[in-house]
N, C-alpha and C. Protein backbone atom coordinates (compact mmCIF):
# COMPACT_ATOMS: atom_id res chain seq x y z
N MET A 1 123.39 114.97 53.38
CA MET A 1 123.71 116.04 52.46
C MET A 1 125.19 116.41 52.50
N GLY A 2 125.87 116.10 53.59
CA GLY A 2 127.30 116.36 53.62
C GLY A 2 127.70 117.71 54.19
N PHE A 3 126.78 118.46 54.75
CA PHE A 3 127.13 119.73 55.37
C PHE A 3 126.29 119.94 56.62
N HIS A 4 126.77 120.83 57.49
CA HIS A 4 126.06 121.16 58.73
C HIS A 4 125.43 122.54 58.57
N SER A 5 124.16 122.68 58.95
CA SER A 5 123.52 123.99 58.86
C SER A 5 122.78 124.32 60.16
N GLU A 6 122.69 125.61 60.42
CA GLU A 6 121.94 126.14 61.56
C GLU A 6 121.11 127.31 61.08
N THR A 7 119.99 127.55 61.76
CA THR A 7 119.11 128.67 61.40
C THR A 7 118.96 129.59 62.58
N GLU A 8 119.09 130.89 62.33
CA GLU A 8 118.88 131.91 63.36
C GLU A 8 117.72 132.80 62.92
N VAL A 9 116.72 132.94 63.78
CA VAL A 9 115.60 133.84 63.50
C VAL A 9 116.01 135.24 63.93
N ILE A 10 116.07 136.14 62.98
CA ILE A 10 116.47 137.52 63.25
C ILE A 10 115.25 138.37 63.62
N ARG A 11 114.17 138.15 62.90
CA ARG A 11 112.95 138.92 63.15
C ARG A 11 111.74 138.02 62.97
N PHE A 12 110.79 138.13 63.90
CA PHE A 12 109.54 137.37 63.85
C PHE A 12 108.47 138.34 64.35
N GLU A 13 107.64 138.85 63.44
CA GLU A 13 106.69 139.87 63.84
C GLU A 13 105.43 139.84 62.98
N SER A 14 104.38 140.41 63.55
CA SER A 14 103.12 140.55 62.83
C SER A 14 103.15 141.87 62.07
N ILE A 15 102.76 141.81 60.81
CA ILE A 15 102.71 143.03 60.00
C ILE A 15 101.38 143.10 59.26
N LYS A 16 101.06 144.29 58.79
CA LYS A 16 99.86 144.50 57.99
C LYS A 16 100.30 144.61 56.53
N ILE A 17 99.62 143.92 55.65
CA ILE A 17 99.99 143.91 54.23
C ILE A 17 99.70 145.28 53.61
N THR A 18 100.74 145.87 53.06
CA THR A 18 100.65 147.17 52.41
C THR A 18 100.33 146.98 50.93
N PRO A 19 99.97 148.04 50.22
CA PRO A 19 99.76 147.90 48.77
C PRO A 19 100.98 147.32 48.03
N ALA A 20 102.18 147.74 48.43
CA ALA A 20 103.40 147.22 47.77
C ALA A 20 103.57 145.73 48.03
N LEU A 21 103.36 145.29 49.29
CA LEU A 21 103.47 143.86 49.59
C LEU A 21 102.36 143.07 48.91
N SER A 22 101.19 143.65 48.81
CA SER A 22 100.08 142.99 48.13
C SER A 22 100.42 142.71 46.67
N GLU A 23 101.05 143.69 46.05
CA GLU A 23 101.44 143.54 44.65
C GLU A 23 102.44 142.41 44.46
N THR A 24 103.36 142.27 45.41
CA THR A 24 104.39 141.24 45.33
C THR A 24 103.87 139.86 45.70
N THR A 25 103.03 139.80 46.76
CA THR A 25 102.62 138.50 47.32
C THR A 25 101.27 138.00 46.84
N GLY A 26 100.40 138.92 46.44
CA GLY A 26 99.03 138.54 46.10
C GLY A 26 98.11 138.53 47.31
N PHE A 27 98.65 138.82 48.51
CA PHE A 27 97.83 138.91 49.71
C PHE A 27 97.02 140.20 49.65
N ALA A 28 95.84 140.20 50.24
CA ALA A 28 94.97 141.37 50.23
C ALA A 28 95.55 142.48 51.11
N VAL A 29 95.42 143.71 50.64
CA VAL A 29 95.84 144.87 51.43
C VAL A 29 95.07 144.85 52.75
N GLY A 30 95.79 145.07 53.85
CA GLY A 30 95.16 145.11 55.16
C GLY A 30 95.17 143.78 55.90
N GLU A 31 95.43 142.67 55.20
CA GLU A 31 95.53 141.37 55.88
C GLU A 31 96.71 141.42 56.84
N HIS A 32 96.66 140.59 57.86
CA HIS A 32 97.77 140.49 58.81
C HIS A 32 98.59 139.24 58.49
N ALA A 33 99.90 139.41 58.53
CA ALA A 33 100.81 138.31 58.20
C ALA A 33 101.93 138.24 59.24
N ILE A 34 102.50 137.07 59.34
CA ILE A 34 103.70 136.89 60.15
C ILE A 34 104.89 137.03 59.21
N SER A 35 105.77 137.94 59.56
CA SER A 35 106.98 138.20 58.78
C SER A 35 108.15 137.56 59.51
N ILE A 36 108.88 136.69 58.80
CA ILE A 36 110.00 135.97 59.42
C ILE A 36 111.26 136.22 58.59
N LEU A 37 112.28 136.76 59.25
CA LEU A 37 113.58 136.96 58.62
C LEU A 37 114.56 136.04 59.32
N ARG A 38 115.21 135.19 58.53
CA ARG A 38 116.16 134.21 59.08
C ARG A 38 117.47 134.25 58.30
N ARG A 39 118.53 133.92 59.02
CA ARG A 39 119.81 133.71 58.32
C ARG A 39 120.27 132.31 58.65
N ARG A 40 120.90 131.70 57.65
CA ARG A 40 121.32 130.30 57.79
C ARG A 40 122.83 130.19 57.69
N LYS A 41 123.35 129.44 58.62
CA LYS A 41 124.79 129.20 58.66
C LYS A 41 125.03 127.81 58.08
N VAL A 42 125.88 127.75 57.08
CA VAL A 42 126.24 126.49 56.45
C VAL A 42 127.73 126.28 56.64
N ASP A 43 128.07 125.15 57.26
CA ASP A 43 129.46 124.83 57.56
C ASP A 43 130.17 126.00 58.26
N GLY A 44 129.48 126.60 59.24
CA GLY A 44 130.10 127.62 60.07
C GLY A 44 130.07 129.04 59.53
N LYS A 45 129.47 129.25 58.33
CA LYS A 45 129.46 130.59 57.73
C LYS A 45 128.04 130.98 57.36
N PHE A 46 127.60 132.17 57.81
CA PHE A 46 126.28 132.64 57.40
C PHE A 46 126.31 132.91 55.90
N SER A 47 125.44 132.23 55.17
CA SER A 47 125.49 132.36 53.71
C SER A 47 124.12 132.49 53.06
N ILE A 48 123.05 132.31 53.83
CA ILE A 48 121.70 132.39 53.26
C ILE A 48 120.85 133.29 54.15
N LEU A 49 120.13 134.20 53.52
CA LEU A 49 119.18 135.06 54.20
C LEU A 49 117.83 134.84 53.55
N ASP A 50 116.81 134.50 54.36
CA ASP A 50 115.50 134.34 53.75
C ASP A 50 114.44 135.08 54.54
N TRP A 51 113.43 135.52 53.81
CA TRP A 51 112.32 136.27 54.37
C TRP A 51 111.03 135.60 53.91
N ASP A 52 110.19 135.23 54.86
CA ASP A 52 108.92 134.58 54.56
C ASP A 52 107.77 135.38 55.14
N LEU A 53 106.65 135.35 54.45
CA LEU A 53 105.40 135.94 54.94
C LEU A 53 104.34 134.85 54.94
N PHE A 54 103.64 134.72 56.07
CA PHE A 54 102.55 133.75 56.19
C PHE A 54 101.33 134.49 56.73
N LEU A 55 100.20 134.36 56.04
CA LEU A 55 98.99 134.99 56.56
C LEU A 55 98.67 134.42 57.93
N GLU A 56 98.37 135.31 58.87
CA GLU A 56 98.13 134.87 60.25
C GLU A 56 96.95 133.90 60.35
N LYS A 57 95.92 134.12 59.53
CA LYS A 57 94.75 133.26 59.62
C LYS A 57 95.04 131.81 59.23
N TYR A 58 96.16 131.58 58.55
CA TYR A 58 96.53 130.21 58.16
C TYR A 58 97.75 129.69 58.93
N SER A 59 98.25 130.47 59.88
CA SER A 59 99.47 130.05 60.58
C SER A 59 99.34 130.21 62.09
N GLU A 60 98.18 129.94 62.60
CA GLU A 60 97.90 130.06 64.03
C GLU A 60 98.88 129.22 64.85
N GLY A 61 99.43 129.83 65.87
CA GLY A 61 100.33 129.11 66.76
C GLY A 61 101.78 129.06 66.31
N LEU A 62 102.08 129.59 65.14
CA LEU A 62 103.45 129.60 64.64
C LEU A 62 104.32 130.45 65.57
N THR A 63 105.47 129.93 65.96
CA THR A 63 106.36 130.61 66.90
C THR A 63 107.76 130.77 66.30
N PRO A 64 108.58 131.61 66.92
CA PRO A 64 109.97 131.71 66.47
C PRO A 64 110.70 130.36 66.54
N GLU A 65 110.33 129.52 67.51
CA GLU A 65 110.96 128.20 67.62
C GLU A 65 110.63 127.34 66.40
N HIS A 66 109.38 127.41 65.92
CA HIS A 66 109.03 126.69 64.69
C HIS A 66 109.84 127.23 63.52
N ALA A 67 109.98 128.56 63.46
CA ALA A 67 110.72 129.18 62.37
C ALA A 67 112.19 128.78 62.39
N GLN A 68 112.73 128.56 63.58
CA GLN A 68 114.13 128.15 63.68
C GLN A 68 114.32 126.71 63.22
N ASN A 69 113.32 125.88 63.45
CA ASN A 69 113.42 124.47 63.06
C ASN A 69 112.87 124.25 61.66
N SER A 70 111.55 124.19 61.53
CA SER A 70 110.95 124.01 60.21
C SER A 70 109.54 124.58 60.19
N THR A 71 109.41 125.75 59.61
CA THR A 71 108.11 126.40 59.48
C THR A 71 107.15 125.51 58.70
N TYR A 72 107.64 124.94 57.61
CA TYR A 72 106.75 124.14 56.76
C TYR A 72 106.33 122.85 57.45
N ASP A 73 107.20 122.22 58.22
CA ASP A 73 106.79 121.04 58.98
C ASP A 73 105.66 121.39 59.93
N TYR A 74 105.79 122.54 60.63
CA TYR A 74 104.73 122.96 61.55
C TYR A 74 103.42 123.19 60.81
N LEU A 75 103.47 123.96 59.72
CA LEU A 75 102.24 124.28 58.99
C LEU A 75 101.62 123.04 58.36
N GLU A 76 102.45 122.14 57.85
CA GLU A 76 101.92 120.90 57.29
C GLU A 76 101.22 120.08 58.36
N GLY A 77 101.80 120.03 59.57
CA GLY A 77 101.17 119.32 60.67
C GLY A 77 99.88 119.99 61.12
N LEU A 78 99.88 121.32 61.15
CA LEU A 78 98.69 122.08 61.55
C LEU A 78 97.53 121.82 60.61
N TRP A 79 97.81 121.80 59.33
CA TRP A 79 96.75 121.67 58.33
C TRP A 79 96.56 120.23 57.85
N GLY A 80 97.47 119.33 58.24
CA GLY A 80 97.32 117.93 57.85
C GLY A 80 97.51 117.69 56.36
N LEU A 81 98.40 118.44 55.76
CA LEU A 81 98.65 118.25 54.34
C LEU A 81 100.10 118.57 54.03
N ILE A 82 100.51 118.26 52.83
CA ILE A 82 101.87 118.54 52.39
C ILE A 82 101.82 119.75 51.46
N LEU A 83 102.58 120.77 51.80
CA LEU A 83 102.62 121.97 50.98
C LEU A 83 103.56 121.72 49.80
N PRO A 84 103.03 121.75 48.60
CA PRO A 84 103.89 121.44 47.44
C PRO A 84 104.97 122.50 47.22
N MET A 85 106.15 122.04 46.88
CA MET A 85 107.27 122.95 46.62
C MET A 85 106.94 123.92 45.50
N LEU A 86 106.12 123.51 44.54
CA LEU A 86 105.82 124.38 43.41
C LEU A 86 105.04 125.63 43.84
N LYS A 87 104.35 125.57 44.96
CA LYS A 87 103.58 126.72 45.42
C LYS A 87 104.43 127.71 46.22
N ARG A 88 105.64 127.31 46.57
CA ARG A 88 106.53 128.19 47.32
C ARG A 88 107.28 129.06 46.32
N LYS A 89 107.23 130.35 46.54
CA LYS A 89 107.90 131.26 45.62
C LYS A 89 109.25 131.65 46.19
N SER A 90 110.25 131.65 45.34
CA SER A 90 111.59 132.05 45.73
C SER A 90 112.12 133.00 44.68
N ARG A 91 112.86 134.00 45.16
CA ARG A 91 113.54 134.90 44.24
C ARG A 91 114.96 135.08 44.71
N LEU A 92 115.87 135.12 43.78
CA LEU A 92 117.25 135.40 44.09
C LEU A 92 117.46 136.89 43.90
N ILE A 93 117.87 137.55 44.96
CA ILE A 93 118.11 138.99 44.91
C ILE A 93 119.56 139.21 45.31
N LEU A 94 120.26 139.97 44.51
CA LEU A 94 121.66 140.24 44.84
C LEU A 94 121.74 140.96 46.17
N PRO A 95 122.72 140.64 46.98
CA PRO A 95 122.79 141.20 48.32
C PRO A 95 122.98 142.71 48.34
N ALA A 96 122.17 143.37 49.15
CA ALA A 96 122.33 144.79 49.42
C ALA A 96 123.26 144.94 50.61
N LYS A 97 123.68 146.15 50.91
CA LYS A 97 124.58 146.38 52.03
C LYS A 97 123.98 145.87 53.32
N MET A 98 122.66 146.08 53.56
CA MET A 98 122.01 145.59 54.78
C MET A 98 122.12 144.08 54.87
N THR A 99 121.86 143.40 53.76
CA THR A 99 121.92 141.94 53.74
C THR A 99 123.33 141.48 54.08
N LEU A 100 124.31 142.08 53.50
CA LEU A 100 125.69 141.68 53.77
C LEU A 100 126.04 141.90 55.24
N ASN A 101 125.53 142.97 55.85
CA ASN A 101 125.78 143.21 57.27
C ASN A 101 125.14 142.13 58.12
N ILE A 102 123.96 141.67 57.77
CA ILE A 102 123.27 140.63 58.54
C ILE A 102 124.00 139.30 58.41
N LEU A 103 124.55 139.03 57.25
CA LEU A 103 125.22 137.74 57.03
C LEU A 103 126.61 137.68 57.64
N THR A 104 127.16 138.79 58.05
CA THR A 104 128.50 138.76 58.63
C THR A 104 128.47 138.88 60.14
């Protein structure tokens, strides 16, 4: 690809899906999920911040080390299938002050 990247896991925690998160994700209210916040350094500069939610019942054994390397590789190996890119949702959100503080 022509560039060097690193991933730092900032937060890795279990959360309960709230009505607001349910509306955004489609997960049922009250379900438990693993919330992962990571920042990525590309060519020596933090430039990407991503937040993922995985239902705990489908991500057994997921660790911060997996999140630092490749969450999807781990989950694909766990379930023995390839997770299609089309099923992954991404949104571009303009950086808020908190986001800019994390990236610097």
